[in-house]
Amino acid sequence: MSNHQRKKDAPGDKVTLEVTFSNDGKLKGEETALFFLRDPVASVSHPVLELKGVKKLTLEPGQSQTIQLILTTEDMTFPGLDFAPRLEAGVIELFVGPSARQETLLKTQIRVVD
């Protein structure tokens, strides 16, 4: 995952997250990938991590698989004080991992600009 910059005035604009999972073991394995979003400086408090997607994988020994999550501009909004959807300029952090524990998550960020 790499960092990107997006204009906030582009309704319907999309961000695609791609992550490759590999089974380095000798047995068939299953993994659950959880995709989270965080807006660390939003003007209105909301959850520390917001779950935005879940993908299940089954991997044979030595197999790798790339999965995607596509987020639209609307997926990144939150209700403002007037309850209208808001997307504010600033950094939005995106995470993926097998759980919500910080030490298990891969992180990238996008910057929303005016």
Protein backbone atom coordinates (compact mmCIF):
# COMPACT_ATOMS: atom_id res chain seq x y z
CA MET A 1 0.00 0.00 0.00
CA SER A 2 1.33 3.44 -0.82
CA ASN A 3 0.35 7.01 0.04
CA HIS A 4 -1.81 9.09 -2.33
CA GLN A 5 -3.44 12.49 -2.60
CA ARG A 6 -7.09 13.03 -3.59
CA LYS A 7 -9.21 16.13 -4.21
CA LYS A 8 -12.21 16.23 -1.90
CA ASP A 9 -14.45 17.85 -4.50
CA ALA A 10 -14.54 14.78 -6.76
CA PRO A 11 -17.79 12.94 -5.89
CA GLY A 12 -17.59 9.30 -6.84
CA ASP A 13 -13.79 9.35 -6.92
CA LYS A 14 -12.35 6.00 -5.87
CA VAL A 15 -9.39 4.70 -3.93
CA THR A 16 -8.33 1.10 -4.52
CA LEU A 17 -6.45 -0.76 -1.80
CA GLU A 18 -4.52 -3.83 -2.92
CA VAL A 19 -2.85 -6.23 -0.51
CA THR A 20 -1.09 -9.50 -1.28
CA PHE A 21 -1.35 -12.36 1.22
CA SER A 22 1.01 -15.34 1.06
CA ASN A 23 0.90 -18.76 2.69
CA ASP A 24 4.51 -19.57 3.56
CA GLY A 25 3.51 -22.64 5.55
CA LYS A 26 3.21 -26.30 4.58
CA LEU A 27 -0.55 -26.60 5.17
CA LYS A 28 -3.61 -25.08 3.51
CA GLY A 29 -4.65 -21.97 5.41
CA GLU A 30 -7.47 -19.47 5.76
CA GLU A 31 -7.20 -15.78 6.53
CA THR A 32 -9.67 -12.99 7.08
CA ALA A 33 -8.62 -9.54 5.87
CA LEU A 34 -10.29 -6.60 7.61
CA PHE A 35 -10.16 -3.15 6.00
CA PHE A 36 -10.39 -0.11 8.28
CA LEU A 37 -10.49 3.67 7.83
CA ARG A 38 -9.49 6.33 10.36
CA ASP A 39 -9.73 10.12 10.17
CA PRO A 40 -7.37 11.25 12.96
CA VAL A 41 -8.26 14.95 12.86
CA ALA A 42 -11.96 15.06 11.92
CA SER A 43 -13.92 17.99 13.28
CA VAL A 44 -16.49 15.58 14.76
CA SER A 45 -15.55 12.61 16.95
CA HIS A 46 -16.19 9.19 15.50
CA PRO A 47 -14.78 5.67 15.98
CA VAL A 48 -11.01 5.23 16.13
CA LEU A 49 -11.27 2.57 13.40
CA GLU A 50 -14.23 2.17 11.06
CA LEU A 51 -14.62 -1.26 9.44
CA LYS A 52 -15.05 -0.75 5.68
CA GLY A 53 -14.67 -4.27 4.30
CA VAL A 54 -14.02 -7.94 5.00
CA LYS A 55 -12.49 -10.52 2.65
CA LYS A 56 -11.95 -14.25 3.31
CA LEU A 57 -9.03 -16.07 1.71
CA THR A 58 -8.10 -19.72 1.41
CA LEU A 59 -4.50 -20.29 0.38
CA GLU A 60 -2.69 -23.48 -0.54
CA PRO A 61 0.91 -23.90 0.67
CA GLY A 62 3.16 -21.49 -1.24
CA GLN A 63 0.21 -19.66 -2.80
CA SER A 64 -0.20 -15.87 -2.84
CA GLN A 65 -3.36 -13.91 -3.58
CA THR A 66 -3.93 -10.19 -4.09
CA ILE A 67 -7.21 -8.78 -2.84
CA GLN A 68 -8.78 -5.37 -3.41
CA LEU A 69 -11.11 -3.02 -1.62
CA ILE A 70 -12.50 -0.06 -3.54
CA LEU A 71 -13.58 2.95 -1.47
CA THR A 72 -15.54 5.83 -2.97
CA THR A 73 -15.48 9.40 -1.78
CA GLU A 74 -18.83 8.72 -0.13
CA ASP A 75 -17.33 5.77 1.83
CA MET A 76 -14.92 8.24 3.45
CA THR A 77 -17.52 10.75 4.61
CA PHE A 78 -18.89 11.09 8.13
CA PRO A 79 -21.91 12.91 9.54
CA GLY A 80 -21.12 16.51 10.46
CA LEU A 81 -22.70 18.46 13.30
CA ASP A 82 -25.68 19.12 11.02
CA PHE A 83 -25.81 15.36 10.17
CA ALA A 84 -24.96 16.09 6.53
CA PRO A 85 -22.17 13.94 5.04
CA ARG A 86 -18.74 15.59 5.26
CA LEU A 87 -15.35 14.88 3.73
CA GLU A 88 -12.77 17.24 5.16
CA ALA A 89 -9.34 18.10 3.85
CA GLY A 90 -6.56 16.28 5.65
CA VAL A 91 -5.11 12.81 6.12
CA ILE A 92 -7.23 9.67 6.09
CA GLU A 93 -5.49 6.53 7.29
CA LEU A 94 -6.31 3.16 5.74
CA PHE A 95 -5.50 -0.15 7.42
CA VAL A 96 -5.73 -3.84 6.55
CA GLY A 97 -5.00 -6.88 8.70
CA PRO A 98 -6.42 -9.98 10.38
CA SER A 99 -7.71 -8.05 13.42
CA ALA A 100 -8.11 -4.51 14.76
CA ARG A 101 -4.99 -4.80 16.94
CA GLN A 102 -2.55 -2.09 15.84
CA GLU A 103 0.43 -4.47 15.75
CA THR A 104 -1.31 -6.67 13.12
CA LEU A 105 -2.28 -3.87 10.70
CA LEU A 106 -0.63 -2.60 7.54
CA LYS A 107 -1.13 1.13 7.18
CA THR A 108 -1.19 3.66 4.38
CA GLN A 109 -2.76 7.08 4.05
CA ILE A 110 -4.31 9.41 1.55
CA ARG A 111 -4.41 13.18 1.76
CA VAL A 112 -7.68 14.87 0.86
CA VAL A 113 -7.08 18.38 -0.46
CA ASP A 114 -9.41 21.29 -1.19
